[in-house]
Amino acid sequence: MKRLKISKNGMKQGFKIFISLTVIWGVYALVQLNRQVTVKDIVFDNILSIINKLDGYTVYLKEKGGYEPYLVLSKNYNGYGNVLLLRKYLLDEERIFNEEKRWGAYYEDSKIDSYLNTEFKQTLSPLVQKQLVTSQLEITAESSVGSVGDDTISIPRQVFLLSHRELSLPKSGMTAKEGRRLLYMINTAHAIAKTKEGEALEYWLRTPYTEHDTTIWTFRSPLTPNYSALWDMGSRSLEVRSVRPAFCIKKDTKLERKEGIVPGKAVFVLKEDAKSNGGKR
């Protein structure tokens, strides 16, 4: 009987603790949901956030063709305190990585690097462009390209491609360590990217396949990690692959929910953008 009495007391204490924690959690959630939302609140790797559990980790940014969804993946990209955004859908047009030349797999000032920071950047609305921050992007050093080297350097960039390592792909002796593994990409199925029509396509990474100076890593699915030469050896035509841009914004960037972009749903946009009209994708 004494053991049973202790057991009942233990159950009562456990129930009280459960109720207390529930109340604390409820108050915390209420405070979180009623304050100004910032982009840091919806980041995938923000484990303390309530908002990203309820509303997801996507923000809609305005491009020339309308609003596009961007995945909000890291609250501290490569340790610089900025939030990483990755375009959900591949760009409509496939592009070359670089010209046919020696060390063409080197990322800095390649054709794709230049395109992202000029033409693509200009497709973003002025408000979005204003929010971009310059990231110190870790890339494979030119001396490592074509020599199976592992040296890296940092270059300042606003828009860029993700790396082999950031996608959490299996280690390779033909790959330098560019950046940090993203928590979101630990499930490599998350790295699969599709067109708006739902077709999964192979897309460029910024990482050279370092055994050759004209070969670059690409990604299509976890079952087929791949790399591609700059050009087709038979036709000598330059190879094209899909493009998936990424960039960073400040973690305190304010967001608001907006209707009219996705039918029957309010989605997150930049706060200043929420005041504008329209916005169907």
C-alpha atoms as a PDB file:
ATOM      1  CA  MET A   1       0.000   0.000   0.000  1.00  0.00           C
ATOM      2  CA  LYS A   2       2.858   2.355   0.803  1.00  0.00           C
ATOM      3  CA  ARG A   3       4.440   1.756  -2.608  1.00  0.00           C
ATOM      4  CA  LEU A   4       1.075   2.458  -4.258  1.00  0.00           C
ATOM      5  CA  LYS A   5       0.719   5.710  -2.309  1.00  0.00           C
ATOM      6  CA  ILE A   6       4.180   6.864  -3.446  1.00  0.00           C
ATOM      7  CA  SER A   7       3.276   5.977  -7.011  1.00  0.00           C
ATOM      8  CA  LYS A   8       0.128   8.100  -6.825  1.00  0.00           C
ATOM      9  CA  ASN A   9       2.093  11.025  -5.398  1.00  0.00           C
ATOM     10  CA  GLY A  10       4.617  10.621  -8.177  1.00  0.00           C
ATOM     11  CA  MET A  11       1.840  10.719 -10.747  1.00  0.00           C
ATOM     12  CA  LYS A  12       0.425  13.873  -9.172  1.00  0.00           C
ATOM     13  CA  GLN A  13       3.835  15.556  -9.231  1.00  0.00           C
ATOM     14  CA  GLY A  14       4.359  14.496 -12.822  1.00  0.00           C
ATOM     15  CA  PHE A  15       0.962  15.870 -13.807  1.00  0.00           C
ATOM     16  CA  LYS A  16       1.710  19.196 -12.093  1.00  0.00           C
ATOM     17  CA  ILE A  17       5.027  19.460 -13.931  1.00  0.00           C
ATOM     18  CA  PHE A  18       3.290  18.658 -17.224  1.00  0.00           C
ATOM     19  CA  ILE A  19       0.652  21.357 -16.628  1.00  0.00           C
ATOM     20  CA  SER A  20       3.323  23.902 -15.663  1.00  0.00           C
ATOM     21  CA  LEU A  21       5.386  23.190 -18.769  1.00  0.00           C
ATOM     22  CA  THR A  22       2.278  23.385 -20.946  1.00  0.00           C
ATOM     23  CA  VAL A  23       1.387  26.802 -19.517  1.00  0.00           C
ATOM     24  CA  ILE A  24       4.959  28.070 -19.958  1.00  0.00           C
ATOM     25  CA  TRP A  25       5.057  26.763 -23.529  1.00  0.00           C
ATOM     26  CA  GLY A  26       1.676  28.334 -24.248  1.00  0.00           C
ATOM     27  CA  VAL A  27       2.770  31.734 -22.939  1.00  0.00           C
ATOM     28  CA  TYR A  28       6.021  31.494 -24.909  1.00  0.00           C
ATOM     29  CA  ALA A  29       4.125  30.596 -28.078  1.00  0.00           C
ATOM     30  CA  LEU A  30       1.655  33.453 -27.541  1.00  0.00           C
ATOM     31  CA  VAL A  31       4.488  35.956 -27.162  1.00  0.00           C
ATOM     32  CA  GLN A  32       6.250  34.578 -30.232  1.00  0.00           C
ATOM     33  CA  LEU A  33       3.148  34.685 -32.419  1.00  0.00           C
ATOM     34  CA  ASN A  34       2.157  38.216 -31.432  1.00  0.00           C
ATOM     35  CA  ARG A  35       5.456  40.030 -31.926  1.00  0.00           C
ATOM     36  CA  GLN A  36       7.039  41.351 -35.109  1.00  0.00           C
ATOM     37  CA  VAL A  37       8.209  38.430 -37.232  1.00  0.00           C
ATOM     38  CA  THR A  38      11.721  38.606 -38.681  1.00  0.00           C
ATOM     39  CA  VAL A  39      13.328  36.319 -41.223  1.00  0.00           C
ATOM     40  CA  LYS A  40      15.338  34.661 -38.440  1.00  0.00           C
ATOM     41  CA  ASP A  41      12.067  33.436 -36.892  1.00  0.00           C
ATOM     42  CA  ILE A  42      11.214  31.262 -39.874  1.00  0.00           C
ATOM     43  CA  VAL A  43      14.687  29.822 -40.543  1.00  0.00           C
ATOM     44  CA  PHE A  44      14.699  26.023 -40.835  1.00  0.00           C
ATOM     45  CA  ASP A  45      17.550  25.589 -38.332  1.00  0.00           C
ATOM     46  CA  ASN A  46      16.045  27.873 -35.665  1.00  0.00           C
ATOM     47  CA  ILE A  47      15.020  25.093 -33.280  1.00  0.00           C
ATOM     48  CA  LEU A  48      13.557  27.497 -30.682  1.00  0.00           C
ATOM     49  CA  SER A  49      11.115  29.107 -33.093  1.00  0.00           C
ATOM     50  CA  ILE A  50       7.407  28.352 -32.953  1.00  0.00           C
ATOM     51  CA  ILE A  51       6.620  30.179 -36.173  1.00  0.00           C
ATOM     52  CA  ASN A  52       8.665  27.997 -38.509  1.00  0.00           C
ATOM     53  CA  LYS A  53       6.962  24.912 -37.049  1.00  0.00           C
ATOM     54  CA  LEU A  54       3.504  26.342 -37.772  1.00  0.00           C
ATOM     55  CA  ASP A  55       4.027  28.356 -40.950  1.00  0.00           C
ATOM     56  CA  GLY A  56       7.057  26.731 -42.539  1.00  0.00           C
ATOM     57  CA  TYR A  57      10.388  28.186 -43.612  1.00  0.00           C
ATOM     58  CA  THR A  58       9.482  29.926 -46.867  1.00  0.00           C
ATOM     59  CA  VAL A  59       9.412  33.601 -47.821  1.00  0.00           C
ATOM     60  CA  TYR A  60       8.050  34.942 -51.111  1.00  0.00           C
ATOM     61  CA  LEU A  61      10.244  37.479 -52.872  1.00  0.00           C
ATOM     62  CA  LYS A  62       9.285  39.580 -55.858  1.00  0.00           C
ATOM     63  CA  GLU A  63      11.046  38.985 -59.159  1.00  0.00           C
ATOM     64  CA  LYS A  64      10.201  40.412 -62.580  1.00  0.00           C
ATOM     65  CA  GLY A  65       7.785  37.570 -63.268  1.00  0.00           C
ATOM     66  CA  GLY A  66       6.015  37.850 -59.901  1.00  0.00           C
ATOM     67  CA  TYR A  67       6.535  36.379 -56.448  1.00  0.00           C
ATOM     68  CA  GLU A  68       8.820  33.357 -56.067  1.00  0.00           C
ATOM     69  CA  PRO A  69       9.220  31.113 -52.995  1.00  0.00           C
ATOM     70  CA  TYR A  70      12.620  31.018 -51.305  1.00  0.00           C
ATOM     71  CA  LEU A  71      13.583  28.477 -48.649  1.00  0.00           C
ATOM     72  CA  VAL A  72      15.005  30.090 -45.493  1.00  0.00           C
ATOM     73  CA  LEU A  73      17.683  27.608 -44.485  1.00  0.00           C
ATOM     74  CA  SER A  74      20.403  28.954 -42.167  1.00  0.00           C
ATOM     75  CA  LYS A  75      20.329  31.652 -39.503  1.00  0.00           C
ATOM     76  CA  ASN A  76      24.122  31.996 -39.508  1.00  0.00           C
ATOM     77  CA  TYR A  77      25.449  31.189 -42.978  1.00  0.00           C
ATOM     78  CA  ASN A  78      29.114  30.197 -42.710  1.00  0.00           C
ATOM     79  CA  GLY A  79      29.368  31.945 -39.336  1.00  0.00           C
ATOM     80  CA  TYR A  80      28.780  35.514 -40.534  1.00  0.00           C
ATOM     81  CA  GLY A  81      25.395  36.008 -38.837  1.00  0.00           C
ATOM     82  CA  ASN A  82      23.282  36.383 -41.980  1.00  0.00           C
ATOM     83  CA  VAL A  83      20.301  34.313 -43.116  1.00  0.00           C
ATOM     84  CA  LEU A  84      20.653  32.070 -46.173  1.00  0.00           C
ATOM     85  CA  LEU A  85      17.866  31.960 -48.744  1.00  0.00           C
ATOM     86  CA  LEU A  86      17.708  29.374 -51.543  1.00  0.00           C
ATOM     87  CA  ARG A  87      15.348  29.663 -54.498  1.00  0.00           C
ATOM     88  CA  LYS A  88      12.824  26.821 -54.291  1.00  0.00           C
ATOM     89  CA  TYR A  89      12.422  26.362 -58.030  1.00  0.00           C
ATOM     90  CA  LEU A  90      15.102  26.188 -60.690  1.00  0.00           C
ATOM     91  CA  LEU A  91      15.383  29.122 -63.056  1.00  0.00           C
ATOM     92  CA  ASP A  92      13.490  28.684 -66.317  1.00  0.00           C
ATOM     93  CA  GLU A  93      16.592  28.848 -68.496  1.00  0.00           C
ATOM     94  CA  GLU A  94      19.531  26.443 -68.332  1.00  0.00           C
ATOM     95  CA  ARG A  95      22.947  28.081 -68.630  1.00  0.00           C
ATOM     96  CA  ILE A  96      26.606  27.314 -69.230  1.00  0.00           C
ATOM     97  CA  PHE A  97      28.996  27.328 -66.282  1.00  0.00           C
ATOM     98  CA  ASN A  98      31.883  28.937 -68.112  1.00  0.00           C
ATOM     99  CA  GLU A  99      33.646  29.303 -71.425  1.00  0.00           C
ATOM    100  CA  GLU A 100      35.721  26.522 -72.953  1.00  0.00           C
ATOM    101  CA  LYS A 101      39.141  27.276 -71.516  1.00  0.00           C
ATOM    102  CA  ARG A 102      41.793  25.976 -69.140  1.00  0.00           C
ATOM    103  CA  TRP A 103      40.767  26.191 -65.477  1.00  0.00           C
ATOM    104  CA  GLY A 104      37.244  26.872 -66.667  1.00  0.00           C
ATOM    105  CA  ALA A 105      35.913  25.070 -63.575  1.00  0.00           C
ATOM    106  CA  TYR A 106      37.206  27.879 -61.357  1.00  0.00           C
ATOM    107  CA  TYR A 107      34.176  29.670 -59.922  1.00  0.00           C
ATOM    108  CA  GLU A 108      35.329  33.269 -59.414  1.00  0.00           C
ATOM    109  CA  ASP A 109      34.303  35.433 -62.396  1.00  0.00           C
ATOM    110  CA  SER A 110      33.030  32.403 -64.319  1.00  0.00           C
ATOM    111  CA  LYS A 111      30.103  32.989 -66.653  1.00  0.00           C
ATOM    112  CA  ILE A 112      27.632  31.659 -64.095  1.00  0.00           C
ATOM    113  CA  ASP A 113      29.147  33.767 -61.300  1.00  0.00           C
ATOM    114  CA  SER A 114      28.919  36.904 -63.422  1.00  0.00           C
ATOM    115  CA  TYR A 115      25.366  36.107 -64.530  1.00  0.00           C
ATOM    116  CA  LEU A 116      24.086  35.654 -60.980  1.00  0.00           C
ATOM    117  CA  ASN A 117      25.507  38.972 -59.786  1.00  0.00           C
ATOM    118  CA  THR A 118      24.357  40.983 -62.817  1.00  0.00           C
ATOM    119  CA  GLU A 119      21.477  39.704 -64.958  1.00  0.00           C
ATOM    120  CA  PHE A 120      19.812  37.508 -62.348  1.00  0.00           C
ATOM    121  CA  LYS A 121      20.261  40.075 -59.593  1.00  0.00           C
ATOM    122  CA  GLN A 122      18.478  42.633 -61.774  1.00  0.00           C
ATOM    123  CA  THR A 123      15.420  40.355 -61.986  1.00  0.00           C
ATOM    124  CA  LEU A 124      14.916  40.848 -58.236  1.00  0.00           C
ATOM    125  CA  SER A 125      12.751  43.778 -57.243  1.00  0.00           C
ATOM    126  CA  PRO A 126      14.564  46.931 -56.015  1.00  0.00           C
ATOM    127  CA  LEU A 127      13.269  46.198 -52.513  1.00  0.00           C
ATOM    128  CA  VAL A 128      14.763  42.701 -52.525  1.00  0.00           C
ATOM    129  CA  GLN A 129      18.055  43.956 -53.976  1.00  0.00           C
ATOM    130  CA  LYS A 130      18.209  46.473 -51.142  1.00  0.00           C
ATOM    131  CA  GLN A 131      18.082  43.630 -48.598  1.00  0.00           C
ATOM    132  CA  LEU A 132      20.962  41.617 -50.072  1.00  0.00           C
ATOM    133  CA  VAL A 133      24.156  41.426 -48.049  1.00  0.00           C
ATOM    134  CA  THR A 134      27.628  40.566 -49.286  1.00  0.00           C
ATOM    135  CA  SER A 135      28.726  37.104 -48.185  1.00  0.00           C
ATOM    136  CA  GLN A 136      32.303  35.939 -47.836  1.00  0.00           C
ATOM    137  CA  LEU A 137      31.910  32.913 -50.076  1.00  0.00           C
ATOM    138  CA  GLU A 138      34.340  30.024 -49.664  1.00  0.00           C
ATOM    139  CA  ILE A 139      35.426  28.565 -53.004  1.00  0.00           C
ATOM    140  CA  THR A 140      38.096  26.184 -54.277  1.00  0.00           C
ATOM    141  CA  ALA A 141      41.357  28.032 -54.951  1.00  0.00           C
ATOM    142  CA  GLU A 142      42.444  28.214 -58.585  1.00  0.00           C
ATOM    143  CA  SER A 143      45.658  26.390 -57.670  1.00  0.00           C
ATOM    144  CA  SER A 144      43.567  23.391 -56.546  1.00  0.00           C
ATOM    145  CA  VAL A 145      41.550  23.142 -59.766  1.00  0.00           C
ATOM    146  CA  GLY A 146      42.892  20.347 -61.958  1.00  0.00           C
ATOM    147  CA  SER A 147      45.460  19.305 -59.355  1.00  0.00           C
ATOM    148  CA  VAL A 148      43.265  17.429 -56.846  1.00  0.00           C
ATOM    149  CA  GLY A 149      44.039  20.186 -54.348  1.00  0.00           C
ATOM    150  CA  ASP A 150      42.019  21.124 -51.279  1.00  0.00           C
ATOM    151  CA  ASP A 151      42.945  24.785 -50.788  1.00  0.00           C
ATOM    152  CA  THR A 152      40.116  27.304 -50.594  1.00  0.00           C
ATOM    153  CA  ILE A 153      39.787  31.084 -50.613  1.00  0.00           C
ATOM    154  CA  SER A 154      36.988  33.524 -49.767  1.00  0.00           C
ATOM    155  CA  ILE A 155      35.488  35.964 -52.240  1.00  0.00           C
ATOM    156  CA  PRO A 156      32.793  38.634 -51.658  1.00  0.00           C
ATOM    157  CA  ARG A 157      29.526  37.784 -53.415  1.00  0.00           C
ATOM    158  CA  GLN A 158      25.867  38.719 -53.077  1.00  0.00           C
ATOM    159  CA  VAL A 159      24.357  35.937 -55.210  1.00  0.00           C
ATOM    160  CA  PHE A 160      25.927  32.500 -55.590  1.00  0.00           C
ATOM    161  CA  LEU A 161      25.524  28.757 -56.071  1.00  0.00           C
ATOM    162  CA  LEU A 162      25.663  26.289 -53.195  1.00  0.00           C
ATOM    163  CA  SER A 163      28.630  23.936 -52.873  1.00  0.00           C
ATOM    164  CA  HIS A 164      29.093  20.166 -52.817  1.00  0.00           C
ATOM    165  CA  ARG A 165      29.741  20.291 -49.065  1.00  0.00           C
ATOM    166  CA  GLU A 166      26.794  22.573 -48.275  1.00  0.00           C
ATOM    167  CA  LEU A 167      24.512  19.987 -49.888  1.00  0.00           C
ATOM    168  CA  SER A 168      25.937  17.408 -47.426  1.00  0.00           C
ATOM    169  CA  LEU A 169      26.946  15.113 -50.278  1.00  0.00           C
ATOM    170  CA  PRO A 170      29.297  12.159 -49.608  1.00  0.00           C
ATOM    171  CA  LYS A 171      32.946  13.118 -49.184  1.00  0.00           C
ATOM    172  CA  SER A 172      35.123  12.916 -52.276  1.00  0.00           C
ATOM    173  CA  GLY A 173      38.861  13.179 -52.797  1.00  0.00           C
ATOM    174  CA  MET A 174      38.062  15.356 -55.809  1.00  0.00           C
ATOM    175  CA  THR A 175      36.363  18.043 -53.731  1.00  0.00           C
ATOM    176  CA  ALA A 176      37.703  20.864 -51.562  1.00  0.00           C
ATOM    177  CA  LYS A 177      35.719  21.789 -48.441  1.00  0.00           C
ATOM    178  CA  GLU A 178      33.711  24.856 -49.425  1.00  0.00           C
ATOM    179  CA  GLY A 179      31.551  26.251 -46.626  1.00  0.00           C
ATOM    180  CA  ARG A 180      29.683  24.299 -43.943  1.00  0.00           C
ATOM    181  CA  ARG A 181      27.151  21.502 -44.242  1.00  0.00           C
ATOM    182  CA  LEU A 182      23.592  22.809 -44.055  1.00  0.00           C
ATOM    183  CA  LEU A 183      21.310  21.152 -41.500  1.00  0.00           C
ATOM    184  CA  TYR A 184      18.470  21.169 -44.036  1.00  0.00           C
ATOM    185  CA  MET A 185      20.575  19.172 -46.504  1.00  0.00           C
ATOM    186  CA  ILE A 186      21.447  16.342 -44.103  1.00  0.00           C
ATOM    187  CA  ASN A 187      18.467  14.692 -45.758  1.00  0.00           C
ATOM    188  CA  THR A 188      19.978  14.849 -49.242  1.00  0.00           C
ATOM    189  CA  ALA A 189      16.548  14.346 -50.788  1.00  0.00           C
ATOM    190  CA  HIS A 190      15.991  17.988 -49.800  1.00  0.00           C
ATOM    191  CA  ALA A 191      18.648  18.965 -52.341  1.00  0.00           C
ATOM    192  CA  ILE A 192      16.468  17.806 -55.232  1.00  0.00           C
ATOM    193  CA  ALA A 193      15.292  20.842 -57.175  1.00  0.00           C
ATOM    194  CA  LYS A 194      12.444  21.003 -59.643  1.00  0.00           C
ATOM    195  CA  THR A 195      10.991  23.331 -62.211  1.00  0.00           C
ATOM    196  CA  LYS A 196       7.631  24.942 -61.512  1.00  0.00           C
ATOM    197  CA  GLU A 197       6.132  22.158 -63.627  1.00  0.00           C
ATOM    198  CA  GLY A 198       7.501  19.553 -61.213  1.00  0.00           C
ATOM    199  CA  GLU A 199      10.401  18.142 -63.243  1.00  0.00           C
ATOM    200  CA  ALA A 200      13.582  17.389 -61.281  1.00  0.00           C
ATOM    201  CA  LEU A 201      16.631  18.551 -63.245  1.00  0.00           C
ATOM    202  CA  GLU A 202      20.392  18.490 -62.821  1.00  0.00           C
ATOM    203  CA  TYR A 203      21.814  21.818 -61.657  1.00  0.00           C
ATOM    204  CA  TRP A 204      25.249  23.376 -61.245  1.00  0.00           C
ATOM    205  CA  LEU A 205      27.099  23.589 -57.929  1.00  0.00           C
ATOM    206  CA  ARG A 206      30.000  25.998 -57.473  1.00  0.00           C
ATOM    207  CA  THR A 207      32.437  23.184 -56.683  1.00  0.00           C
ATOM    208  CA  PRO A 208      35.032  22.001 -59.219  1.00  0.00           C
ATOM    209  CA  TYR A 209      35.702  18.298 -59.657  1.00  0.00           C
ATOM    210  CA  THR A 210      39.363  18.913 -58.954  1.00  0.00           C
ATOM    211  CA  GLU A 211      40.888  16.040 -60.923  1.00  0.00           C
ATOM    212  CA  HIS A 212      40.195  18.055 -64.077  1.00  0.00           C
ATOM    213  CA  ASP A 213      40.338  21.816 -64.610  1.00  0.00           C
ATOM    214  CA  THR A 214      37.175  21.901 -66.749  1.00  0.00           C
ATOM    215  CA  THR A 215      34.816  19.693 -64.708  1.00  0.00           C
ATOM    216  CA  ILE A 216      32.210  20.825 -62.160  1.00  0.00           C
ATOM    217  CA  TRP A 217      30.035  19.012 -59.640  1.00  0.00           C
ATOM    218  CA  THR A 218      26.303  18.972 -60.345  1.00  0.00           C
ATOM    219  CA  PHE A 219      23.297  17.526 -58.510  1.00  0.00           C
ATOM    220  CA  ARG A 220      20.065  15.856 -59.559  1.00  0.00           C
ATOM    221  CA  SER A 221      19.275  13.205 -56.939  1.00  0.00           C
ATOM    222  CA  PRO A 222      20.975  11.493 -53.973  1.00  0.00           C
ATOM    223  CA  LEU A 223      21.296   8.342 -56.085  1.00  0.00           C
ATOM    224  CA  THR A 224      23.196  10.057 -58.886  1.00  0.00           C
ATOM    225  CA  PRO A 225      25.715  12.623 -57.599  1.00  0.00           C
ATOM    226  CA  ASN A 226      27.436  13.756 -60.743  1.00  0.00           C
ATOM    227  CA  TYR A 227      29.935  16.065 -62.345  1.00  0.00           C
ATOM    228  CA  SER A 228      29.982  17.572 -65.791  1.00  0.00           C
ATOM    229  CA  ALA A 229      32.596  18.817 -68.227  1.00  0.00           C
ATOM    230  CA  LEU A 230      32.216  22.358 -69.544  1.00  0.00           C
ATOM    231  CA  TRP A 231      31.629  21.092 -73.051  1.00  0.00           C
ATOM    232  CA  ASP A 232      30.564  17.981 -74.943  1.00  0.00           C
ATOM    233  CA  MET A 233      33.668  16.230 -76.239  1.00  0.00           C
ATOM    234  CA  GLY A 234      31.846  15.041 -79.348  1.00  0.00           C
ATOM    235  CA  SER A 235      30.033  18.141 -80.549  1.00  0.00           C
ATOM    236  CA  ARG A 236      32.337  20.608 -78.739  1.00  0.00           C
ATOM    237  CA  SER A 237      29.216  22.517 -77.714  1.00  0.00           C
ATOM    238  CA  LEU A 238      29.150  24.047 -74.238  1.00  0.00           C
ATOM    239  CA  GLU A 239      27.150  22.067 -71.703  1.00  0.00           C
ATOM    240  CA  VAL A 240      24.150  23.689 -70.032  1.00  0.00           C
ATOM    241  CA  ARG A 241      22.565  22.801 -66.696  1.00  0.00           C
ATOM    242  CA  SER A 242      19.873  24.317 -64.505  1.00  0.00           C
ATOM    243  CA  VAL A 243      20.595  27.108 -62.037  1.00  0.00           C
ATOM    244  CA  ARG A 244      19.447  27.482 -58.407  1.00  0.00           C
ATOM    245  CA  PRO A 245      20.457  30.865 -56.939  1.00  0.00           C
ATOM    246  CA  ALA A 246      21.149  31.526 -53.265  1.00  0.00           C
ATOM    247  CA  PHE A 247      21.889  34.690 -51.293  1.00  0.00           C
ATOM    248  CA  CYS A 248      21.837  36.129 -47.784  1.00  0.00           C
ATOM    249  CA  ILE A 249      19.847  38.875 -46.076  1.00  0.00           C
ATOM    250  CA  LYS A 250      20.118  40.339 -42.564  1.00  0.00           C
ATOM    251  CA  LYS A 251      18.572  38.225 -39.817  1.00  0.00           C
ATOM    252  CA  ASP A 252      16.477  41.117 -38.469  1.00  0.00           C
ATOM    253  CA  THR A 253      14.720  41.724 -41.821  1.00  0.00           C
ATOM    254  CA  LYS A 254      11.032  42.202 -40.988  1.00  0.00           C
ATOM    255  CA  LEU A 255       8.326  40.015 -42.524  1.00  0.00           C
ATOM    256  CA  GLU A 256       4.554  40.105 -42.751  1.00  0.00           C
ATOM    257  CA  ARG A 257       1.915  37.695 -43.991  1.00  0.00           C
ATOM    258  CA  LYS A 258       0.257  38.571 -47.275  1.00  0.00           C
ATOM    259  CA  GLU A 259      -2.714  37.086 -49.126  1.00  0.00           C
ATOM    260  CA  GLY A 260      -3.250  36.899 -52.866  1.00  0.00           C
ATOM    261  CA  ILE A 261       0.029  35.199 -53.749  1.00  0.00           C
ATOM    262  CA  VAL A 262      -0.913  31.583 -53.029  1.00  0.00           C
ATOM    263  CA  PRO A 263      -4.663  30.834 -53.334  1.00  0.00           C
ATOM    264  CA  GLY A 264      -6.354  30.484 -49.962  1.00  0.00           C
ATOM    265  CA  LYS A 265      -3.223  31.113 -47.950  1.00  0.00           C
ATOM    266  CA  ALA A 266      -1.337  34.012 -46.392  1.00  0.00           C
ATOM    267  CA  VAL A 267       2.418  33.717 -46.945  1.00  0.00           C
ATOM    268  CA  PHE A 268       5.437  35.597 -45.660  1.00  0.00           C
ATOM    269  CA  VAL A 269       6.849  38.513 -47.665  1.00  0.00           C
ATOM    270  CA  LEU A 270       9.160  41.400 -46.794  1.00  0.00           C
ATOM    271  CA  LYS A 271       7.278  43.831 -44.547  1.00  0.00           C
ATOM    272  CA  GLU A 272       7.614  46.780 -46.929  1.00  0.00           C
ATOM    273  CA  ASP A 273       6.438  44.553 -49.768  1.00  0.00           C
ATOM    274  CA  ALA A 274       3.265  43.643 -47.878  1.00  0.00           C
ATOM    275  CA  LYS A 275       1.985  47.183 -48.450  1.00  0.00           C
ATOM    276  CA  SER A 276       2.049  46.801 -52.242  1.00  0.00           C
ATOM    277  CA  ASN A 277      -0.841  45.503 -54.311  1.00  0.00           C
ATOM    278  CA  GLY A 278      -1.299  42.222 -56.114  1.00  0.00           C
ATOM    279  CA  GLY A 279       1.334  39.576 -56.396  1.00  0.00           C
ATOM    280  CA  LYS A 280       0.204  36.320 -57.937  1.00  0.00           C
ATOM    281  CA  ARG A 281       3.083  34.146 -59.027  1.00  0.00           C
END
